[in-house]
Amino acid sequence: MFLGMGLDVIEEKNLNDVITYALDYPTMVLSETKSWPTTNMEDFAVGLYIGYVCGVFFDGFLRRNKRFLDSEEHVDFHAAISKRTAEIKLKIQSHIHRK
């Protein structure tokens, strides 16, 4: 059985920085809320999927550029996610209905 050490001080700070950033910009984090009301498992899965993509991308961007996205870059990011929304939904639907 693996007993993890948990987050080290640096990673805990990184996580808290992300949470603080998200709390400072709630409209960015919640931008999809009104257009994606959660009514079923598919909607919930779409939210998780987009959250995963956001997390991975924002983390990589921060590592590569040593800064957060500016407002124009965030608009571009949101546009890219929006363009692929149908694809994301179809992928999720196909996996949910495979049971």
PDB file of N, CA and C in Angstrom:
ATOM      1  N   MET A   1       0.839  -1.172   0.000  1.00  0.00           N
ATOM      2  CA  MET A   1       0.000   0.000   0.000  1.00  0.00           C
ATOM      3  C   MET A   1       0.889   1.242   0.000  1.00  0.00           C
ATOM      4  N   PHE A   2       0.549   2.211  -0.868  1.00  0.00           N
ATOM      5  CA  PHE A   2       1.322   3.438  -0.987  1.00  0.00           C
ATOM      6  C   PHE A   2       0.784   4.482  -0.026  1.00  0.00           C
ATOM      7  N   LEU A   3       1.662   5.004   0.789  1.00  0.00           N
ATOM      8  CA  LEU A   3       1.285   6.096   1.687  1.00  0.00           C
ATOM      9  C   LEU A   3       1.960   7.358   1.183  1.00  0.00           C
ATOM     10  N   GLY A   4       1.192   8.244   0.591  1.00  0.00           N
ATOM     11  CA  GLY A   4       1.746   9.466   0.029  1.00  0.00           C
ATOM     12  C   GLY A   4       2.152  10.450   1.101  1.00  0.00           C
ATOM     13  N   MET A   5       3.026  11.311   0.720  1.00  0.00           N
ATOM     14  CA  MET A   5       3.500  12.343   1.626  1.00  0.00           C
ATOM     15  C   MET A   5       2.603  13.573   1.573  1.00  0.00           C
ATOM     16  N   GLY A   6       1.705  13.618   0.622  1.00  0.00           N
ATOM     17  CA  GLY A   6       0.888  14.814   0.468  1.00  0.00           C
ATOM     18  C   GLY A   6       1.646  15.889  -0.282  1.00  0.00           C
ATOM     19  N   LEU A   7       1.031  17.031  -0.386  1.00  0.00           N
ATOM     20  CA  LEU A   7       1.662  18.140  -1.085  1.00  0.00           C
ATOM     21  C   LEU A   7       2.783  18.723  -0.238  1.00  0.00           C
ATOM     22  N   ASP A   8       3.902  19.005  -0.896  1.00  0.00           N
ATOM     23  CA  ASP A   8       4.954  19.695  -0.161  1.00  0.00           C
ATOM     24  C   ASP A   8       4.588  21.177  -0.051  1.00  0.00           C
ATOM     25  N   VAL A   9       5.381  21.915   0.663  1.00  0.00           N
ATOM     26  CA  VAL A   9       5.084  23.326   0.925  1.00  0.00           C
ATOM     27  C   VAL A   9       4.976  24.122  -0.372  1.00  0.00           C
ATOM     28  N   ILE A  10       5.851  23.852  -1.314  1.00  0.00           N
ATOM     29  CA  ILE A  10       5.838  24.582  -2.584  1.00  0.00           C
ATOM     30  C   ILE A  10       4.569  24.278  -3.364  1.00  0.00           C
ATOM     31  N   GLU A  11       4.216  22.986  -3.471  1.00  0.00           N
ATOM     32  CA  GLU A  11       3.008  22.625  -4.213  1.00  0.00           C
ATOM     33  C   GLU A  11       1.749  23.132  -3.518  1.00  0.00           C
ATOM     34  N   GLU A  12       1.756  23.120  -2.199  1.00  0.00           N
ATOM     35  CA  GLU A  12       0.606  23.663  -1.474  1.00  0.00           C
ATOM     36  C   GLU A  12       0.461  25.155  -1.762  1.00  0.00           C
ATOM     37  N   LYS A  13       1.591  25.867  -1.813  1.00  0.00           N
ATOM     38  CA  LYS A  13       1.551  27.284  -2.161  1.00  0.00           C
ATOM     39  C   LYS A  13       1.029  27.464  -3.581  1.00  0.00           C
ATOM     40  N   ASN A  14       1.503  26.621  -4.516  1.00  0.00           N
ATOM     41  CA  ASN A  14       1.031  26.706  -5.898  1.00  0.00           C
ATOM     42  C   ASN A  14      -0.475  26.505  -5.973  1.00  0.00           C
ATOM     43  N   LEU A  15      -0.971  25.504  -5.261  1.00  0.00           N
ATOM     44  CA  LEU A  15      -2.407  25.244  -5.251  1.00  0.00           C
ATOM     45  C   LEU A  15      -3.163  26.435  -4.672  1.00  0.00           C
ATOM     46  N   ASN A  16      -2.673  26.972  -3.573  1.00  0.00           N
ATOM     47  CA  ASN A  16      -3.328  28.132  -2.971  1.00  0.00           C
ATOM     48  C   ASN A  16      -3.275  29.352  -3.881  1.00  0.00           C
ATOM     49  N   ASP A  17      -2.194  29.508  -4.635  1.00  0.00           N
ATOM     50  CA  ASP A  17      -2.117  30.605  -5.600  1.00  0.00           C
ATOM     51  C   ASP A  17      -3.183  30.460  -6.684  1.00  0.00           C
ATOM     52  N   VAL A  18      -3.389  29.231  -7.162  1.00  0.00           N
ATOM     53  CA  VAL A  18      -4.415  28.990  -8.178  1.00  0.00           C
ATOM     54  C   VAL A  18      -5.798  29.289  -7.613  1.00  0.00           C
ATOM     55  N   ILE A  19      -6.055  28.828  -6.400  1.00  0.00           N
ATOM     56  CA  ILE A  19      -7.354  29.088  -5.770  1.00  0.00           C
ATOM     57  C   ILE A  19      -7.551  30.589  -5.592  1.00  0.00           C
ATOM     58  N   THR A  20      -6.522  31.287  -5.131  1.00  0.00           N
ATOM     59  CA  THR A  20      -6.611  32.738  -4.958  1.00  0.00           C
ATOM     60  C   THR A  20      -6.882  33.423  -6.286  1.00  0.00           C
ATOM     61  N   TYR A  21      -6.173  32.999  -7.325  1.00  0.00           N
ATOM     62  CA  TYR A  21      -6.382  33.569  -8.657  1.00  0.00           C
ATOM     63  C   TYR A  21      -7.817  33.337  -9.105  1.00  0.00           C
ATOM     64  N   ALA A  22      -8.311  32.117  -8.907  1.00  0.00           N
ATOM     65  CA  ALA A  22      -9.690  31.800  -9.294  1.00  0.00           C
ATOM     66  C   ALA A  22     -10.686  32.645  -8.514  1.00  0.00           C
ATOM     67  N   LEU A  23     -10.415  32.867  -7.242  1.00  0.00           N
ATOM     68  CA  LEU A  23     -11.308  33.691  -6.428  1.00  0.00           C
ATOM     69  C   LEU A  23     -11.238  35.157  -6.828  1.00  0.00           C
ATOM     70  N   ASP A  24     -10.094  35.588  -7.336  1.00  0.00           N
ATOM     71  CA  ASP A  24      -9.956  36.969  -7.797  1.00  0.00           C
ATOM     72  C   ASP A  24     -10.674  37.212  -9.119  1.00  0.00           C
ATOM     73  N   TYR A  25     -10.881  36.164  -9.887  1.00  0.00           N
ATOM     74  CA  TYR A  25     -11.506  36.295 -11.199  1.00  0.00           C
ATOM     75  C   TYR A  25     -12.663  35.310 -11.351  1.00  0.00           C
ATOM     76  N   PRO A  26     -13.714  35.459 -10.538  1.00  0.00           N
ATOM     77  CA  PRO A  26     -14.810  34.488 -10.587  1.00  0.00           C
ATOM     78  C   PRO A  26     -15.534  34.456 -11.925  1.00  0.00           C
ATOM     79  N   THR A  27     -15.578  35.570 -12.645  1.00  0.00           N
ATOM     80  CA  THR A  27     -16.269  35.540 -13.934  1.00  0.00           C
ATOM     81  C   THR A  27     -15.540  34.644 -14.921  1.00  0.00           C
ATOM     82  N   MET A  28     -14.213  34.562 -14.812  1.00  0.00           N
ATOM     83  CA  MET A  28     -13.469  33.666 -15.686  1.00  0.00           C
ATOM     84  C   MET A  28     -13.809  32.216 -15.356  1.00  0.00           C
ATOM     85  N   VAL A  29     -13.779  31.901 -14.072  1.00  0.00           N
ATOM     86  CA  VAL A  29     -14.016  30.526 -13.645  1.00  0.00           C
ATOM     87  C   VAL A  29     -15.463  30.115 -13.891  1.00  0.00           C
ATOM     88  N   LEU A  30     -16.386  31.037 -13.705  1.00  0.00           N
ATOM     89  CA  LEU A  30     -17.810  30.717 -13.817  1.00  0.00           C
ATOM     90  C   LEU A  30     -18.418  31.145 -15.150  1.00  0.00           C
ATOM     91  N   SER A  31     -17.601  31.444 -16.148  1.00  0.00           N
ATOM     92  CA  SER A  31     -18.100  31.981 -17.412  1.00  0.00           C
ATOM     93  C   SER A  31     -19.088  31.065 -18.124  1.00  0.00           C
ATOM     94  N   GLU A  32     -19.007  29.783 -17.887  1.00  0.00           N
ATOM     95  CA  GLU A  32     -19.900  28.843 -18.557  1.00  0.00           C
ATOM     96  C   GLU A  32     -21.154  28.516 -17.751  1.00  0.00           C
ATOM     97  N   THR A  33     -21.257  29.014 -16.540  1.00  0.00           N
ATOM     98  CA  THR A  33     -22.336  28.601 -15.646  1.00  0.00           C
ATOM     99  C   THR A  33     -23.719  28.792 -16.242  1.00  0.00           C
ATOM    100  N   LYS A  34     -24.003  29.965 -16.764  1.00  0.00           N
ATOM    101  CA  LYS A  34     -25.347  30.236 -17.283  1.00  0.00           C
ATOM    102  C   LYS A  34     -25.646  29.455 -18.553  1.00  0.00           C
ATOM    103  N   SER A  35     -24.643  29.234 -19.385  1.00  0.00           N
ATOM    104  CA  SER A  35     -24.890  28.505 -20.624  1.00  0.00           C
ATOM    105  C   SER A  35     -24.825  26.991 -20.438  1.00  0.00           C
ATOM    106  N   TRP A  36     -24.394  26.533 -19.272  1.00  0.00           N
ATOM    107  CA  TRP A  36     -24.287  25.101 -19.001  1.00  0.00           C
ATOM    108  C   TRP A  36     -25.003  24.727 -17.709  1.00  0.00           C
ATOM    109  N   PRO A  37     -26.307  24.953 -17.626  1.00  0.00           N
ATOM    110  CA  PRO A  37     -26.981  24.553 -16.383  1.00  0.00           C
ATOM    111  C   PRO A  37     -26.908  23.040 -16.208  1.00  0.00           C
ATOM    112  N   THR A  38     -26.526  22.603 -15.034  1.00  0.00           N
ATOM    113  CA  THR A  38     -26.385  21.177 -14.774  1.00  0.00           C
ATOM    114  C   THR A  38     -27.755  20.553 -14.590  1.00  0.00           C
ATOM    115  N   THR A  39     -28.106  19.657 -15.482  1.00  0.00           N
ATOM    116  CA  THR A  39     -29.389  18.969 -15.397  1.00  0.00           C
ATOM    117  C   THR A  39     -29.230  17.461 -15.413  1.00  0.00           C
ATOM    118  N   ASN A  40     -28.072  16.978 -15.815  1.00  0.00           N
ATOM    119  CA  ASN A  40     -27.862  15.536 -15.889  1.00  0.00           C
ATOM    120  C   ASN A  40     -26.366  15.209 -15.824  1.00  0.00           C
ATOM    121  N   MET A  41     -26.064  13.931 -15.879  1.00  0.00           N
ATOM    122  CA  MET A  41     -24.683  13.487 -15.776  1.00  0.00           C
ATOM    123  C   MET A  41     -23.827  14.009 -16.933  1.00  0.00           C
ATOM    124  N   GLU A  42     -24.397  14.096 -18.124  1.00  0.00           N
ATOM    125  CA  GLU A  42     -23.627  14.599 -19.264  1.00  0.00           C
ATOM    126  C   GLU A  42     -23.188  16.042 -19.038  1.00  0.00           C
ATOM    127  N   ASP A  43     -24.104  16.879 -18.552  1.00  0.00           N
ATOM    128  CA  ASP A  43     -23.750  18.273 -18.284  1.00  0.00           C
ATOM    129  C   ASP A  43     -22.658  18.360 -17.224  1.00  0.00           C
ATOM    130  N   PHE A  44     -22.801  17.563 -16.191  1.00  0.00           N
ATOM    131  CA  PHE A  44     -21.793  17.538 -15.129  1.00  0.00           C
ATOM    132  C   PHE A  44     -20.447  17.102 -15.697  1.00  0.00           C
ATOM    133  N   ALA A  45     -20.458  16.076 -16.541  1.00  0.00           N
ATOM    134  CA  ALA A  45     -19.224  15.574 -17.145  1.00  0.00           C
ATOM    135  C   ALA A  45     -18.581  16.631 -18.039  1.00  0.00           C
ATOM    136  N   VAL A  46     -19.390  17.371 -18.778  1.00  0.00           N
ATOM    137  CA  VAL A  46     -18.849  18.440 -19.621  1.00  0.00           C
ATOM    138  C   VAL A  46     -18.135  19.470 -18.748  1.00  0.00           C
ATOM    139  N   GLY A  47     -18.752  19.836 -17.634  1.00  0.00           N
ATOM    140  CA  GLY A  47     -18.121  20.784 -16.718  1.00  0.00           C
ATOM    141  C   GLY A  47     -16.797  20.268 -16.187  1.00  0.00           C
ATOM    142  N   LEU A  48     -16.767  19.001 -15.807  1.00  0.00           N
ATOM    143  CA  LEU A  48     -15.520  18.407 -15.319  1.00  0.00           C
ATOM    144  C   LEU A  48     -14.461  18.368 -16.418  1.00  0.00           C
ATOM    145  N   TYR A  49     -14.879  18.011 -17.616  1.00  0.00           N
ATOM    146  CA  TYR A  49     -13.961  17.911 -18.748  1.00  0.00           C
ATOM    147  C   TYR A  49     -13.337  19.266 -19.051  1.00  0.00           C
ATOM    148  N   ILE A  50     -14.185  20.292 -19.128  1.00  0.00           N
ATOM    149  CA  ILE A  50     -13.682  21.632 -19.406  1.00  0.00           C
ATOM    150  C   ILE A  50     -12.791  22.107 -18.263  1.00  0.00           C
ATOM    151  N   GLY A  51     -13.176  21.790 -17.033  1.00  0.00           N
ATOM    152  CA  GLY A  51     -12.336  22.137 -15.889  1.00  0.00           C
ATOM    153  C   GLY A  51     -10.970  21.479 -15.966  1.00  0.00           C
ATOM    154  N   TYR A  52     -10.952  20.223 -16.390  1.00  0.00           N
ATOM    155  CA  TYR A  52      -9.686  19.508 -16.544  1.00  0.00           C
ATOM    156  C   TYR A  52      -8.817  20.182 -17.607  1.00  0.00           C
ATOM    157  N   VAL A  53      -9.423  20.474 -18.751  1.00  0.00           N
ATOM    158  CA  VAL A  53      -8.681  21.121 -19.836  1.00  0.00           C
ATOM    159  C   VAL A  53      -8.129  22.470 -19.371  1.00  0.00           C
ATOM    160  N   CYS A  54      -8.968  23.238 -18.703  1.00  0.00           N
ATOM    161  CA  CYS A  54      -8.532  24.547 -18.190  1.00  0.00           C
ATOM    162  C   CYS A  54      -7.347  24.387 -17.244  1.00  0.00           C
ATOM    163  N   GLY A  55      -7.465  23.468 -16.315  1.00  0.00           N
ATOM    164  CA  GLY A  55      -6.403  23.271 -15.338  1.00  0.00           C
ATOM    165  C   GLY A  55      -5.084  22.888 -15.970  1.00  0.00           C
ATOM    166  N   VAL A  56      -5.143  21.946 -16.882  1.00  0.00           N
ATOM    167  CA  VAL A  56      -3.920  21.493 -17.541  1.00  0.00           C
ATOM    168  C   VAL A  56      -3.318  22.619 -18.379  1.00  0.00           C
ATOM    169  N   PHE A  57      -4.176  23.305 -19.135  1.00  0.00           N
ATOM    170  CA  PHE A  57      -3.659  24.373 -19.993  1.00  0.00           C
ATOM    171  C   PHE A  57      -3.090  25.529 -19.179  1.00  0.00           C
ATOM    172  N   PHE A  58      -3.850  25.991 -18.197  1.00  0.00           N
ATOM    173  CA  PHE A  58      -3.393  27.130 -17.398  1.00  0.00           C
ATOM    174  C   PHE A  58      -2.098  26.804 -16.664  1.00  0.00           C
ATOM    175  N   ASP A  59      -1.988  25.582 -16.165  1.00  0.00           N
ATOM    176  CA  ASP A  59      -0.762  25.174 -15.485  1.00  0.00           C
ATOM    177  C   ASP A  59       0.419  25.198 -16.446  1.00  0.00           C
ATOM    178  N   GLY A  60       0.225  24.629 -17.622  1.00  0.00           N
ATOM    179  CA  GLY A  60       1.299  24.624 -18.614  1.00  0.00           C
ATOM    180  C   GLY A  60       1.669  26.021 -19.079  1.00  0.00           C
ATOM    181  N   PHE A  61       0.659  26.851 -19.283  1.00  0.00           N
ATOM    182  CA  PHE A  61       0.910  28.224 -19.709  1.00  0.00           C
ATOM    183  C   PHE A  61       1.742  28.955 -18.661  1.00  0.00           C
ATOM    184  N   LEU A  62       1.359  28.801 -17.418  1.00  0.00           N
ATOM    185  CA  LEU A  62       2.076  29.463 -16.330  1.00  0.00           C
ATOM    186  C   LEU A  62       3.528  28.982 -16.263  1.00  0.00           C
ATOM    187  N   ARG A  63       3.742  27.701 -16.441  1.00  0.00           N
ATOM    188  CA  ARG A  63       5.114  27.168 -16.420  1.00  0.00           C
ATOM    189  C   ARG A  63       5.945  27.714 -17.572  1.00  0.00           C
ATOM    190  N   ARG A  64       5.325  27.733 -18.747  1.00  0.00           N
ATOM    191  CA  ARG A  64       6.068  28.167 -19.928  1.00  0.00           C
ATOM    192  C   ARG A  64       6.332  29.674 -19.947  1.00  0.00           C
ATOM    193  N   ASN A  65       5.374  30.445 -19.462  1.00  0.00           N
ATOM    194  CA  ASN A  65       5.445  31.900 -19.605  1.00  0.00           C
ATOM    195  C   ASN A  65       5.699  32.660 -18.313  1.00  0.00           C
ATOM    196  N   LYS A  66       5.685  31.952 -17.203  1.00  0.00           N
ATOM    197  CA  LYS A  66       5.925  32.562 -15.885  1.00  0.00           C
ATOM    198  C   LYS A  66       4.926  33.677 -15.569  1.00  0.00           C
ATOM    199  N   ARG A  67       3.694  33.529 -16.066  1.00  0.00           N
ATOM    200  CA  ARG A  67       2.634  34.499 -15.794  1.00  0.00           C
ATOM    201  C   ARG A  67       1.292  33.869 -16.145  1.00  0.00           C
ATOM    202  N   PHE A  68       0.233  34.498 -15.660  1.00  0.00           N
ATOM    203  CA  PHE A  68      -1.109  34.057 -16.004  1.00  0.00           C
ATOM    204  C   PHE A  68      -1.513  34.651 -17.352  1.00  0.00           C
ATOM    205  N   LEU A  69      -2.576  34.131 -17.937  1.00  0.00           N
ATOM    206  CA  LEU A  69      -3.083  34.669 -19.189  1.00  0.00           C
ATOM    207  C   LEU A  69      -3.546  36.109 -18.989  1.00  0.00           C
ATOM    208  N   ASP A  70      -3.311  36.951 -20.006  1.00  0.00           N
ATOM    209  CA  ASP A  70      -3.889  38.288 -19.951  1.00  0.00           C
ATOM    210  C   ASP A  70      -5.310  38.212 -20.513  1.00  0.00           C
ATOM    211  N   SER A  71      -6.016  39.326 -20.527  1.00  0.00           N
ATOM    212  CA  SER A  71      -7.428  39.293 -20.920  1.00  0.00           C
ATOM    213  C   SER A  71      -7.614  38.856 -22.370  1.00  0.00           C
ATOM    214  N   GLU A  72      -6.746  39.270 -23.268  1.00  0.00           N
ATOM    215  CA  GLU A  72      -6.864  38.864 -24.672  1.00  0.00           C
ATOM    216  C   GLU A  72      -6.594  37.371 -24.839  1.00  0.00           C
ATOM    217  N   GLU A  73      -5.609  36.869 -24.148  1.00  0.00           N
ATOM    218  CA  GLU A  73      -5.306  35.439 -24.217  1.00  0.00           C
ATOM    219  C   GLU A  73      -6.450  34.619 -23.638  1.00  0.00           C
ATOM    220  N   HIS A  74      -7.076  35.144 -22.587  1.00  0.00           N
ATOM    221  CA  HIS A  74      -8.217  34.434 -22.012  1.00  0.00           C
ATOM    222  C   HIS A  74      -9.375  34.392 -22.995  1.00  0.00           C
ATOM    223  N   VAL A  75      -9.610  35.467 -23.721  1.00  0.00           N
ATOM    224  CA  VAL A  75     -10.662  35.486 -24.743  1.00  0.00           C
ATOM    225  C   VAL A  75     -10.364  34.428 -25.800  1.00  0.00           C
ATOM    226  N   ASP A  76      -9.118  34.343 -26.240  1.00  0.00           N
ATOM    227  CA  ASP A  76      -8.727  33.327 -27.224  1.00  0.00           C
ATOM    228  C   ASP A  76      -8.927  31.920 -26.671  1.00  0.00           C
ATOM    229  N   PHE A  77      -8.553  31.717 -25.413  1.00  0.00           N
ATOM    230  CA  PHE A  77      -8.735  30.411 -24.786  1.00  0.00           C
ATOM    231  C   PHE A  77     -10.215  30.041 -24.759  1.00  0.00           C
ATOM    232  N   HIS A  78     -11.047  30.972 -24.321  1.00  0.00           N
ATOM    233  CA  HIS A  78     -12.488  30.719 -24.239  1.00  0.00           C
ATOM    234  C   HIS A  78     -13.064  30.424 -25.629  1.00  0.00           C
ATOM    235  N   ALA A  79     -12.606  31.146 -26.636  1.00  0.00           N
ATOM    236  CA  ALA A  79     -13.082  30.914 -28.004  1.00  0.00           C
ATOM    237  C   ALA A  79     -12.703  29.511 -28.480  1.00  0.00           C
ATOM    238  N   ALA A  80     -11.496  29.079 -28.158  1.00  0.00           N
ATOM    239  CA  ALA A  80     -11.057  27.735 -28.560  1.00  0.00           C
ATOM    240  C   ALA A  80     -11.906  26.662 -27.892  1.00  0.00           C
ATOM    241  N   ILE A  81     -12.212  26.835 -26.609  1.00  0.00           N
ATOM    242  CA  ILE A  81     -13.071  25.878 -25.902  1.00  0.00           C
ATOM    243  C   ILE A  81     -14.464  25.886 -26.518  1.00  0.00           C
ATOM    244  N   SER A  82     -14.988  27.073 -26.788  1.00  0.00           N
ATOM    245  CA  SER A  82     -16.334  27.187 -27.356  1.00  0.00           C
ATOM    246  C   SER A  82     -16.434  26.517 -28.721  1.00  0.00           C
ATOM    247  N   LYS A  83     -15.393  26.671 -29.541  1.00  0.00           N
ATOM    248  CA  LYS A  83     -15.383  26.058 -30.872  1.00  0.00           C
ATOM    249  C   LYS A  83     -15.447  24.534 -30.798  1.00  0.00           C
ATOM    250  N   ARG A  84     -14.938  23.965 -29.720  1.00  0.00           N
ATOM    251  CA  ARG A  84     -14.860  22.504 -29.619  1.00  0.00           C
ATOM    252  C   ARG A  84     -15.888  21.916 -28.669  1.00  0.00           C
ATOM    253  N   THR A  85     -16.835  22.744 -28.232  1.00  0.00           N
ATOM    254  CA  THR A  85     -17.848  22.292 -27.288  1.00  0.00           C
ATOM    255  C   THR A  85     -18.643  21.109 -27.824  1.00  0.00           C
ATOM    256  N   ALA A  86     -19.079  21.185 -29.066  1.00  0.00           N
ATOM    257  CA  ALA A  86     -19.860  20.085 -29.648  1.00  0.00           C
ATOM    258  C   ALA A  86     -19.044  18.797 -29.653  1.00  0.00           C
ATOM    259  N   GLU A  87     -17.779  18.889 -30.001  1.00  0.00           N
ATOM    260  CA  GLU A  87     -16.894  17.723 -30.014  1.00  0.00           C
ATOM    261  C   GLU A  87     -16.748  17.137 -28.610  1.00  0.00           C
ATOM    262  N   ILE A  88     -16.593  18.003 -27.626  1.00  0.00           N
ATOM    263  CA  ILE A  88     -16.470  17.556 -26.238  1.00  0.00           C
ATOM    264  C   ILE A  88     -17.741  16.837 -25.810  1.00  0.00           C
ATOM    265  N   LYS A  89     -18.896  17.429 -26.120  1.00  0.00           N
ATOM    266  CA  LYS A  89     -20.176  16.813 -25.742  1.00  0.00           C
ATOM    267  C   LYS A  89     -20.353  15.446 -26.402  1.00  0.00           C
ATOM    268  N   LEU A  90     -20.041  15.363 -27.693  1.00  0.00           N
ATOM    269  CA  LEU A  90     -20.194  14.086 -28.400  1.00  0.00           C
ATOM    270  C   LEU A  90     -19.286  13.006 -27.819  1.00  0.00           C
ATOM    271  N   LYS A  91     -18.067  13.365 -27.488  1.00  0.00           N
ATOM    272  CA  LYS A  91     -17.132  12.397 -26.905  1.00  0.00           C
ATOM    273  C   LYS A  91     -17.671  11.882 -25.575  1.00  0.00           C
ATOM    274  N   ILE A  92     -18.168  12.782 -24.759  1.00  0.00           N
ATOM    275  CA  ILE A  92     -18.720  12.392 -23.463  1.00  0.00           C
ATOM    276  C   ILE A  92     -19.954  11.526 -23.649  1.00  0.00           C
ATOM    277  N   GLN A  93     -20.848  11.935 -24.531  1.00  0.00           N
ATOM    278  CA  GLN A  93     -22.066  11.158 -24.780  1.00  0.00           C
ATOM    279  C   GLN A  93     -21.732   9.753 -25.254  1.00  0.00           C
ATOM    280  N   SER A  94     -20.754   9.638 -26.139  1.00  0.00           N
ATOM    281  CA  SER A  94     -20.409   8.308 -26.656  1.00  0.00           C
ATOM    282  C   SER A  94     -19.866   7.405 -25.559  1.00  0.00           C
ATOM    283  N   HIS A  95     -19.133   7.954 -24.619  1.00  0.00           N
ATOM    284  CA  HIS A  95     -18.585   7.144 -23.530  1.00  0.00           C
ATOM    285  C   HIS A  95     -19.625   6.834 -22.464  1.00  0.00           C
ATOM    286  N   ILE A  96     -20.527   7.761 -22.205  1.00  0.00           N
ATOM    287  CA  ILE A  96     -21.574   7.520 -21.208  1.00  0.00           C
ATOM    288  C   ILE A  96     -22.539   6.449 -21.691  1.00  0.00           C
ATOM    289  N   HIS A  97     -22.846   6.475 -22.970  1.00  0.00           N
ATOM    290  CA  HIS A  97     -23.844   5.550 -23.505  1.00  0.00           C
ATOM    291  C   HIS A  97     -23.272   4.201 -23.924  1.00  0.00           C
ATOM    292  N   ARG A  98     -21.993   3.957 -23.701  1.00  0.00           N
ATOM    293  CA  ARG A  98     -21.373   2.671 -24.048  1.00  0.00           C
ATOM    294  C   ARG A  98     -21.748   1.557 -23.094  1.00  0.00           C
ATOM    295  N   LYS A  99     -22.224   1.908 -21.934  1.00  0.00           N
ATOM    296  CA  LYS A  99     -22.537   0.916 -20.896  1.00  0.00           C
ATOM    297  C   LYS A  99     -23.236  -0.217 -21.463  1.00  0.00           C
TER     298      LYS A  99
END
